[in-house]
Amino acid sequence: MSARSGVRNAGVDEAARSALASACERVDDATNDEQVDGVPVQVVARPTSTEQVAEVMRAAADHQLIVVPRGRGTKLTWGCPPEAADVVVDVSGMDQVLDHAAGDLVMVAQAGARLTDVQQTLMEAGQRLAVDETVTGSTLGGTVAAATTGPGRLASGTARDLLIGVTLVRADGVVAKSGGRVVKNVAGYDLGKLVIGSFGTLAIVTETLFRLHPVPAAQQFVRAPAATPEEAHRLAQAVLHAQVVPAAIEVDWPADGPGEVGVLLEGIAPGVAGRTTTTLGLLGGEATEQSLPPDGWGQYPWDVEARGDQRATALKLTFAISGLPEVLAATREVEAPIAIRGSAGAGVVYGAIPSGTDTGQVAAAVSRLREVCRRYGGHLVVVDAPAAVKESVEVWGPVAAVDLMRRVKEQFDPYRRLSPGRFVGGI
């Protein structure tokens, strides 16, 4: 039988282990802590270059092994559990900024590089990657794979908008590249746009090319209380449609009690000072200003370090910005307590239902909020949750393009070697 026929063997036998060990410098037995959302793993391969990742994937294909890519593991429980996981390919050792062309405002870095380390390197040239670190310790590869976003998406866009080139390794070990150092480069297929948000189901990203922004000379935060969903919406709209050019407009809506709207203003010091005064006037007499971010700014409303059944049910909600008041109101209409935090100016917010909440209440809340998001042209995804919740609700929800997505998966990974089952429709 062909080694690439797609028929599964019993896992990582001695021949497979030897092939993996020949492919990269370090292959370790997996520990219990290295499970992938409760799915056991046999070995962890730790390549240090794109070439080694390619060799690992070729060895895995030859021995019919299922592979799950990993950076620092901060979002490994997001989405659905994989159907199986023989090998984790840990790219955390690939953590270098390979090139920083400050004059062109572009940067090439390996997928295992931590976002905080990258920002420190760029800061030396007065530049930054305008991507928020929503989970401490996140890598560039993990940020791309999970398509995480934070407050900065309003002014600078998301990682999808800033990623202009990528190097990746397919399931069969073939290395592919797309994009280039010119921001307007449109030659060939834009593989970066395809793999971002794919949760490691299409390929392993090994290098990323991002366009950068200058670090602003000054920044200021303005906060205002919002007692009702309608008030939160009115305040956000007042700032969004004024001439203050906000870098971010965030809403913080606890499970009980009043909420808050926060605005970030960036630029040269005199301009920020003037726009801060204007924003204070727009938000009313109770608005305040401060130079440091408010508590929780750019962070999800759940404990990202919780594991197992201690995890909250974490939600991502998208909708037209006109739907904000109804989304916030719906969180108070359901039995499950829901805290909301996110972009009131972009229509992307995140919700948290505490661990221990009755599974039926969680399912009812997800159904109700999904209905509201859909009414406003959006969607709700259960980002993470305890196993019992993932078994009782549709994590990804209905997706119109799922048939097309399956065809893409078949082209990139016909034998389902990469993270099978983690993504939409069991992809």
Protein backbone atom coordinates (compact mmCIF):
# COMPACT_ATOMS: atom_id res chain seq x y z
CA MET A 1 0.00 0.00 0.00
CA SER A 2 1.29 3.48 -0.84
CA ALA A 3 2.69 5.39 2.09
CA ARG A 4 0.73 8.41 0.84
CA SER A 5 -2.54 6.59 0.21
CA GLY A 6 -4.25 8.29 3.13
CA VAL A 7 -4.72 5.07 5.15
CA ARG A 8 -3.89 5.61 8.80
CA ASN A 9 -1.44 3.42 10.66
CA ALA A 10 -1.26 2.81 14.40
CA GLY A 11 0.59 6.04 15.14
CA VAL A 12 4.24 6.83 15.74
CA ASP A 13 6.10 3.53 15.57
CA GLU A 14 9.87 3.19 15.75
CA ALA A 15 10.31 3.68 12.01
CA ALA A 16 8.25 6.86 12.10
CA ARG A 17 10.10 8.14 15.15
CA SER A 18 13.43 7.51 13.45
CA ALA A 19 12.27 9.38 10.33
CA LEU A 20 11.15 12.35 12.43
CA ALA A 21 14.42 12.37 14.37
CA SER A 22 16.31 12.49 11.07
CA ALA A 23 14.17 15.40 9.91
CA CYS A 24 14.93 17.86 12.72
CA GLU A 25 17.32 18.36 15.60
CA ARG A 26 14.96 17.52 18.42
CA VAL A 27 12.03 15.12 18.81
CA ASP A 28 10.62 14.51 22.30
CA ASP A 29 8.00 12.24 23.82
CA ALA A 30 4.87 14.28 24.48
CA THR A 31 3.78 14.87 28.07
CA ASN A 32 0.21 14.95 29.35
CA ASP A 33 0.42 18.75 29.33
CA GLU A 34 0.98 18.68 25.58
CA GLN A 35 -2.41 17.28 24.68
CA VAL A 36 -4.32 19.23 22.05
CA ASP A 37 -7.66 20.14 23.61
CA GLY A 38 -7.83 16.80 25.38
CA VAL A 39 -6.51 14.76 22.44
CA PRO A 40 -3.34 12.80 23.32
CA VAL A 41 -0.13 13.43 21.39
CA GLN A 42 2.72 10.95 21.02
CA VAL A 43 5.72 13.08 20.07
CA VAL A 44 6.71 16.73 19.71
CA ALA A 45 9.03 17.70 16.85
CA ARG A 46 10.93 20.98 17.30
CA PRO A 47 12.29 22.17 13.95
CA THR A 48 14.41 25.32 13.75
CA SER A 49 14.02 26.23 10.07
CA THR A 50 11.59 26.06 7.20
CA GLU A 51 13.69 23.29 5.69
CA GLN A 52 13.38 21.19 8.84
CA VAL A 53 9.61 21.75 8.96
CA ALA A 54 9.44 20.51 5.38
CA GLU A 55 11.46 17.40 6.28
CA VAL A 56 9.21 16.72 9.28
CA MET A 57 6.09 17.00 7.12
CA ARG A 58 7.56 14.67 4.50
CA ALA A 59 8.35 12.11 7.20
CA ALA A 60 4.85 12.48 8.65
CA ALA A 61 3.29 11.99 5.20
CA ASP A 62 5.38 8.89 4.55
CA HIS A 63 4.17 7.35 7.83
CA GLN A 64 0.55 8.58 7.69
CA LEU A 65 0.91 10.73 10.80
CA ILE A 66 -1.49 13.46 11.81
CA VAL A 67 0.23 16.73 12.65
CA VAL A 68 -0.88 19.74 14.70
CA PRO A 69 1.25 22.91 14.43
CA ARG A 70 2.01 24.84 17.63
CA GLY A 71 3.69 28.10 18.53
CA ARG A 72 3.57 28.81 22.27
CA GLY A 73 0.33 26.87 22.70
CA THR A 74 -1.68 29.86 23.95
CA LYS A 75 -4.66 29.14 21.66
CA LEU A 76 -4.35 25.40 21.16
CA THR A 77 -7.80 24.73 22.65
CA TRP A 78 -9.55 27.21 20.36
CA GLY A 79 -11.96 25.79 17.81
CA CYS A 80 -12.81 22.09 17.87
CA PRO A 81 -10.53 19.31 19.13
CA PRO A 82 -8.68 17.55 16.29
CA GLU A 83 -9.84 14.09 15.34
CA ALA A 84 -6.36 12.79 16.26
CA ALA A 85 -2.87 14.16 16.87
CA ASP A 86 0.20 11.98 16.45
CA VAL A 87 2.78 14.75 16.23
CA VAL A 88 2.88 18.33 17.41
CA VAL A 89 5.22 20.44 15.29
CA ASP A 90 6.46 23.09 17.70
CA VAL A 91 7.89 26.12 15.86
CA SER A 92 8.67 28.13 19.00
CA GLY A 93 12.39 27.70 18.27
CA MET A 94 11.91 29.63 15.03
CA ASP A 95 11.70 32.98 16.78
CA GLN A 96 13.90 35.44 14.91
CA VAL A 97 13.23 38.70 13.13
CA LEU A 98 15.04 37.85 9.89
CA ASP A 99 14.93 41.28 8.29
CA HIS A 100 13.64 44.72 9.19
CA ALA A 101 13.65 47.13 6.28
CA ALA A 102 12.84 50.25 8.28
CA GLY A 103 12.94 52.50 5.24
CA ASP A 104 10.28 50.40 3.52
CA LEU A 105 8.22 49.82 6.69
CA VAL A 106 8.32 46.04 6.25
CA MET A 107 9.59 43.16 8.37
CA VAL A 108 10.25 39.45 7.90
CA ALA A 109 10.06 37.26 11.00
CA GLN A 110 9.76 33.56 11.76
CA ALA A 111 6.41 32.20 12.86
CA GLY A 112 7.60 31.31 16.36
CA ALA A 113 8.64 34.87 17.21
CA ARG A 114 6.69 36.32 20.12
CA LEU A 115 4.76 39.45 19.31
CA THR A 116 6.23 41.28 22.32
CA ASP A 117 9.79 40.46 21.25
CA VAL A 118 9.07 41.63 17.72
CA GLN A 119 7.66 44.91 18.99
CA GLN A 120 10.76 45.54 21.10
CA THR A 121 12.98 45.02 18.05
CA LEU A 122 10.88 47.35 15.91
CA MET A 123 10.71 49.98 18.64
CA GLU A 124 14.42 50.66 18.17
CA ALA A 125 13.54 52.17 14.79
CA GLY A 126 10.43 53.93 16.06
CA GLN A 127 8.14 51.43 14.36
CA ARG A 128 5.57 48.82 15.37
CA LEU A 129 3.48 45.99 14.02
CA ALA A 130 -0.04 47.34 14.54
CA VAL A 131 -1.37 44.04 15.89
CA ASP A 132 -2.59 43.79 19.49
CA GLU A 133 -1.30 41.04 21.74
CA THR A 134 -4.66 39.83 23.00
CA VAL A 135 -3.13 36.72 24.61
CA THR A 136 0.15 37.08 26.48
CA GLY A 137 2.97 35.15 24.83
CA SER A 138 1.32 34.92 21.41
CA THR A 139 3.54 34.22 18.41
CA LEU A 140 3.22 35.64 14.92
CA GLY A 141 2.26 32.22 13.59
CA GLY A 142 -0.43 31.75 16.21
CA THR A 143 -1.77 35.23 15.57
CA VAL A 144 -2.04 34.40 11.87
CA ALA A 145 -3.53 30.94 12.45
CA ALA A 146 -6.23 32.18 14.82
CA ALA A 147 -6.72 35.61 13.18
CA THR A 148 -6.83 37.35 16.54
CA THR A 149 -7.77 41.03 16.67
CA GLY A 150 -7.81 43.79 19.26
CA PRO A 151 -8.67 47.48 19.58
CA GLY A 152 -6.24 48.57 16.86
CA ARG A 153 -8.28 46.93 14.11
CA LEU A 154 -10.39 50.11 13.77
CA ALA A 155 -7.55 52.30 12.50
CA SER A 156 -4.90 49.85 11.27
CA GLY A 157 -6.93 46.84 10.21
CA THR A 158 -6.23 43.27 11.25
CA ALA A 159 -3.27 40.96 10.78
CA ARG A 160 -4.96 39.88 7.56
CA ASP A 161 -4.63 43.45 6.25
CA LEU A 162 -1.02 43.82 7.38
CA LEU A 163 0.32 40.46 6.21
CA ILE A 164 1.84 40.98 2.76
CA GLY A 165 3.88 37.80 2.40
CA VAL A 166 4.17 34.33 3.84
CA THR A 167 6.30 31.19 3.67
CA LEU A 168 4.51 27.96 4.47
CA VAL A 169 4.94 24.21 4.33
CA ARG A 170 2.17 22.04 2.94
CA ALA A 171 1.12 18.69 4.36
CA ASP A 172 3.26 16.90 1.76
CA GLY A 173 6.37 18.86 2.75
CA VAL A 174 6.36 21.24 -0.23
CA VAL A 175 7.49 24.78 0.64
CA ALA A 176 5.44 27.61 -0.87
CA LYS A 177 5.87 31.37 -0.77
CA SER A 178 3.67 34.29 -1.77
CA GLY A 179 3.73 38.06 -1.58
CA GLY A 180 6.74 40.32 -1.48
CA ARG A 181 8.35 43.32 0.12
CA VAL A 182 6.39 45.79 -1.97
CA VAL A 183 3.13 46.53 -0.17
CA LYS A 184 1.17 46.64 -3.45
CA ASN A 185 2.61 43.34 -4.71
CA VAL A 186 -0.26 41.35 -6.22
CA ALA A 187 1.62 38.71 -8.20
CA GLY A 188 0.51 35.10 -7.77
CA TYR A 189 -1.89 33.63 -5.23
CA ASP A 190 -2.21 35.43 -1.91
CA LEU A 191 -1.58 32.43 0.33
CA GLY A 192 -1.42 34.65 3.40
CA LYS A 193 -5.07 35.64 3.03
CA LEU A 194 -5.94 31.97 2.61
CA VAL A 195 -4.16 30.56 5.66
CA ILE A 196 -4.94 33.35 8.10
CA GLY A 197 -7.65 32.13 10.45
CA SER A 198 -7.40 28.54 9.18
CA PHE A 199 -6.27 27.12 12.56
CA GLY A 200 -3.38 25.15 11.09
CA THR A 201 -5.60 23.02 8.85
CA LEU A 202 -4.09 24.03 5.48
CA ALA A 203 -0.35 24.44 6.03
CA ILE A 204 2.30 25.31 8.62
CA VAL A 205 3.32 28.96 8.44
CA THR A 206 7.08 29.32 8.99
CA GLU A 207 7.83 32.94 8.02
CA THR A 208 5.72 36.08 7.85
CA LEU A 209 6.19 39.39 6.05
CA PHE A 210 4.30 42.32 7.55
CA ARG A 211 3.99 45.99 6.73
CA LEU A 212 4.62 48.29 9.67
CA HIS A 213 3.52 51.62 11.12
CA PRO A 214 5.44 54.38 12.90
CA VAL A 215 5.07 54.49 16.67
CA PRO A 216 2.82 57.47 17.46
CA ALA A 217 4.45 60.33 19.35
CA ALA A 218 1.55 60.60 21.79
CA GLN A 219 -1.54 58.71 22.87
CA GLN A 220 -4.44 59.41 25.18
CA PHE A 221 -7.40 57.39 26.43
CA VAL A 222 -10.85 58.84 27.07
CA ARG A 223 -13.50 56.91 29.00
CA ALA A 224 -17.20 57.47 29.53
CA PRO A 225 -19.82 55.42 31.44
CA ALA A 226 -22.71 53.89 29.50
CA ALA A 227 -25.73 52.85 31.56
CA THR A 228 -27.70 51.31 28.67
CA PRO A 229 -26.96 49.58 25.36
CA GLU A 230 -28.42 52.56 23.54
CA GLU A 231 -26.12 54.93 25.42
CA ALA A 232 -23.05 52.83 24.59
CA HIS A 233 -24.03 52.91 20.92
CA ARG A 234 -24.71 56.65 20.94
CA LEU A 235 -21.34 57.45 22.50
CA ALA A 236 -19.46 55.21 20.08
CA GLN A 237 -21.26 56.71 17.10
CA ALA A 238 -20.62 60.27 18.28
CA VAL A 239 -16.87 59.64 18.27
CA LEU A 240 -16.87 57.55 15.10
CA HIS A 241 -18.57 60.25 13.04
CA ALA A 242 -16.68 63.23 14.46
CA GLN A 243 -13.38 64.65 13.20
CA VAL A 244 -11.28 63.17 16.03
CA VAL A 245 -9.90 60.19 14.04
CA PRO A 246 -9.97 57.60 16.86
CA ALA A 247 -7.40 54.80 16.80
CA ALA A 248 -9.88 52.60 18.68
CA ILE A 249 -13.39 52.74 20.13
CA GLU A 250 -13.99 49.98 22.66
CA VAL A 251 -17.03 48.92 24.65
CA ASP A 252 -16.76 47.14 28.00
CA TRP A 253 -20.11 45.63 29.01
CA PRO A 254 -20.03 43.52 32.22
CA ALA A 255 -22.46 40.71 32.88
CA ASP A 256 -24.22 43.01 35.36
CA GLY A 257 -24.03 46.71 36.04
CA PRO A 258 -23.30 49.64 33.74
CA GLY A 259 -20.82 49.52 30.88
CA GLU A 260 -18.19 51.86 29.53
CA VAL A 261 -16.97 53.22 26.20
CA GLY A 262 -13.24 53.84 25.78
CA VAL A 263 -11.54 55.82 23.02
CA LEU A 264 -7.86 55.77 22.04
CA LEU A 265 -6.38 58.83 20.32
CA GLU A 266 -2.91 58.73 18.73
CA GLY A 267 -0.67 61.08 16.80
CA ILE A 268 1.53 64.12 17.44
CA ALA A 269 1.17 65.63 20.89
CA PRO A 270 -0.62 68.90 19.96
CA GLY A 271 -3.07 67.06 17.72
CA VAL A 272 -3.85 64.44 20.36
CA ALA A 273 -4.40 67.16 22.96
CA GLY A 274 -6.88 69.00 20.76
CA ARG A 275 -8.74 65.85 19.75
CA THR A 276 -8.89 64.74 23.38
CA THR A 277 -10.65 67.96 24.32
CA THR A 278 -13.12 67.47 21.47
CA THR A 279 -13.75 63.85 22.47
CA LEU A 280 -14.40 64.80 26.08
CA GLY A 281 -17.02 67.22 24.84
CA LEU A 282 -18.63 64.56 22.66
CA LEU A 283 -18.84 62.01 25.47
CA GLY A 284 -20.22 64.38 28.09
CA GLY A 285 -19.43 65.68 31.52
CA GLU A 286 -18.66 62.28 33.10
CA ALA A 287 -15.94 61.43 30.59
CA THR A 288 -12.36 61.29 31.86
CA GLU A 289 -8.93 61.10 30.22
CA GLN A 290 -5.78 59.19 31.09
CA SER A 291 -2.45 58.39 29.47
CA LEU A 292 -2.40 54.67 30.34
CA PRO A 293 -4.82 52.04 29.00
CA PRO A 294 -7.90 51.32 31.14
CA ASP A 295 -8.05 47.97 32.94
CA GLY A 296 -8.82 45.19 30.48
CA TRP A 297 -7.95 47.25 27.38
CA GLY A 298 -7.07 44.92 24.50
CA GLN A 299 -7.75 41.82 26.59
CA TYR A 300 -10.47 39.23 26.22
CA PRO A 301 -13.18 39.16 28.90
CA TRP A 302 -12.23 35.62 29.92
CA ASP A 303 -9.24 34.10 31.74
CA VAL A 304 -7.00 33.00 28.87
CA GLU A 305 -4.88 30.87 31.23
CA ALA A 306 -7.76 28.70 32.48
CA ARG A 307 -7.64 25.08 31.40
CA GLY A 308 -10.06 22.15 31.17
CA ASP A 309 -13.45 22.60 32.75
CA GLN A 310 -12.27 25.84 34.36
CA ARG A 311 -12.39 27.55 30.98
CA ALA A 312 -15.11 30.07 30.31
CA THR A 313 -17.19 29.75 27.18
CA ALA A 314 -15.44 32.29 24.99
CA LEU A 315 -17.35 33.91 22.13
CA LYS A 316 -16.48 36.04 19.12
CA LEU A 317 -19.37 38.11 17.76
CA THR A 318 -19.32 40.09 14.52
CA PHE A 319 -22.09 42.35 13.24
CA ALA A 320 -22.80 45.65 11.49
CA ILE A 321 -22.07 48.44 14.00
CA SER A 322 -25.76 49.41 13.98
CA GLY A 323 -26.43 46.11 15.76
CA LEU A 324 -24.39 46.96 18.87
CA PRO A 325 -27.33 48.00 21.10
CA GLU A 326 -29.30 44.85 20.30
CA VAL A 327 -26.27 42.62 20.86
CA LEU A 328 -25.61 44.21 24.26
CA ALA A 329 -29.28 44.05 25.19
CA ALA A 330 -29.46 40.36 24.27
CA THR A 331 -26.74 39.53 26.79
CA ARG A 332 -29.09 40.67 29.57
CA GLU A 333 -32.10 38.80 28.17
CA VAL A 334 -30.62 35.30 28.46
CA GLU A 335 -30.16 33.31 31.67
CA ALA A 336 -26.43 32.78 31.26
CA PRO A 337 -24.32 35.71 32.52
CA ILE A 338 -22.31 37.20 29.63
CA ALA A 339 -19.58 39.84 29.74
CA ILE A 340 -18.77 41.64 26.46
CA ARG A 341 -15.64 43.54 25.44
CA GLY A 342 -14.46 44.69 22.03
CA SER A 343 -14.67 47.14 19.18
CA ALA A 344 -17.79 49.30 19.16
CA GLY A 345 -16.42 51.01 16.07
CA ALA A 346 -15.75 47.89 14.00
CA GLY A 347 -18.52 45.55 15.12
CA VAL A 348 -16.26 42.84 16.53
CA VAL A 349 -16.67 42.00 20.21
CA TYR A 350 -15.84 39.08 22.47
CA GLY A 351 -18.03 37.49 25.10
CA ALA A 352 -17.42 35.30 28.13
CA ILE A 353 -19.83 32.97 29.92
CA PRO A 354 -18.33 31.80 33.24
CA SER A 355 -17.23 28.21 33.73
CA GLY A 356 -19.76 26.14 35.64
CA THR A 357 -22.73 27.74 33.87
CA ASP A 358 -25.43 25.21 33.01
CA THR A 359 -24.75 23.80 29.55
CA GLY A 360 -28.35 24.29 28.50
CA GLN A 361 -28.18 27.95 29.45
CA VAL A 362 -24.97 28.32 27.47
CA ALA A 363 -26.56 26.71 24.40
CA ALA A 364 -29.60 28.97 24.66
CA ALA A 365 -27.41 32.08 25.00
CA VAL A 366 -25.29 31.09 22.00
CA SER A 367 -28.42 30.49 19.92
CA ARG A 368 -29.94 33.85 20.87
CA LEU A 369 -26.79 35.87 20.24
CA ARG A 370 -26.08 34.01 17.01
CA GLU A 371 -29.56 35.00 15.81
CA VAL A 372 -28.92 38.68 16.58
CA CYS A 373 -25.51 38.68 14.89
CA ARG A 374 -26.95 37.01 11.81
CA ARG A 375 -29.69 39.63 11.62
CA TYR A 376 -26.98 42.28 11.36
CA GLY A 377 -24.94 40.47 8.73
CA GLY A 378 -22.52 38.86 11.15
CA HIS A 379 -21.68 35.64 12.90
CA LEU A 380 -20.95 34.09 16.29
CA VAL A 381 -18.16 31.60 16.93
CA VAL A 382 -17.54 29.71 20.16
CA VAL A 383 -13.82 30.42 20.36
CA ASP A 384 -13.14 28.15 23.33
CA ALA A 385 -15.18 26.27 25.91
CA PRO A 386 -15.15 23.25 28.22
CA ALA A 387 -15.58 19.91 26.47
CA ALA A 388 -19.22 19.54 27.54
CA VAL A 389 -20.12 22.84 25.90
CA LYS A 390 -18.27 22.02 22.67
CA GLU A 391 -20.21 18.77 22.51
CA SER A 392 -23.58 20.49 22.95
CA VAL A 393 -23.28 23.54 20.68
CA GLU A 394 -22.14 24.09 17.12
CA VAL A 395 -18.78 25.78 17.70
CA TRP A 396 -18.47 27.47 14.32
CA GLY A 397 -22.13 27.91 13.49
CA PRO A 398 -23.54 27.91 9.97
CA VAL A 399 -21.04 29.04 7.32
CA ALA A 400 -22.28 29.71 3.81
CA ALA A 401 -18.94 29.01 2.12
CA VAL A 402 -18.22 25.71 3.85
CA ASP A 403 -18.35 23.68 0.61
CA LEU A 404 -15.74 25.94 -0.97
CA MET A 405 -13.62 25.70 2.17
CA ARG A 406 -13.76 21.91 2.01
CA ARG A 407 -12.54 22.00 -1.59
CA VAL A 408 -9.63 24.21 -0.56
CA LYS A 409 -8.77 21.73 2.20
CA GLU A 410 -8.86 18.88 -0.32
CA GLN A 411 -6.40 20.71 -2.55
CA PHE A 412 -3.96 21.60 0.22
CA ASP A 413 -4.32 18.51 2.42
CA PRO A 414 -6.17 15.72 0.58
CA TYR A 415 -5.25 13.08 3.16
CA ARG A 416 -6.26 15.24 6.15
CA ARG A 417 -2.83 15.23 7.80
CA LEU A 418 -3.05 18.72 9.32
CA SER A 419 -5.27 19.35 12.37
CA PRO A 420 -8.26 17.43 10.94
CA GLY A 421 -11.57 18.46 12.49
CA ARG A 422 -10.42 21.68 14.18
CA PHE A 423 -12.03 24.04 11.71
CA VAL A 424 -15.43 24.81 10.17
CA GLY A 425 -17.50 21.82 9.10
CA GLY A 426 -14.99 19.31 10.48
CA ILE A 427 -12.27 20.53 8.12
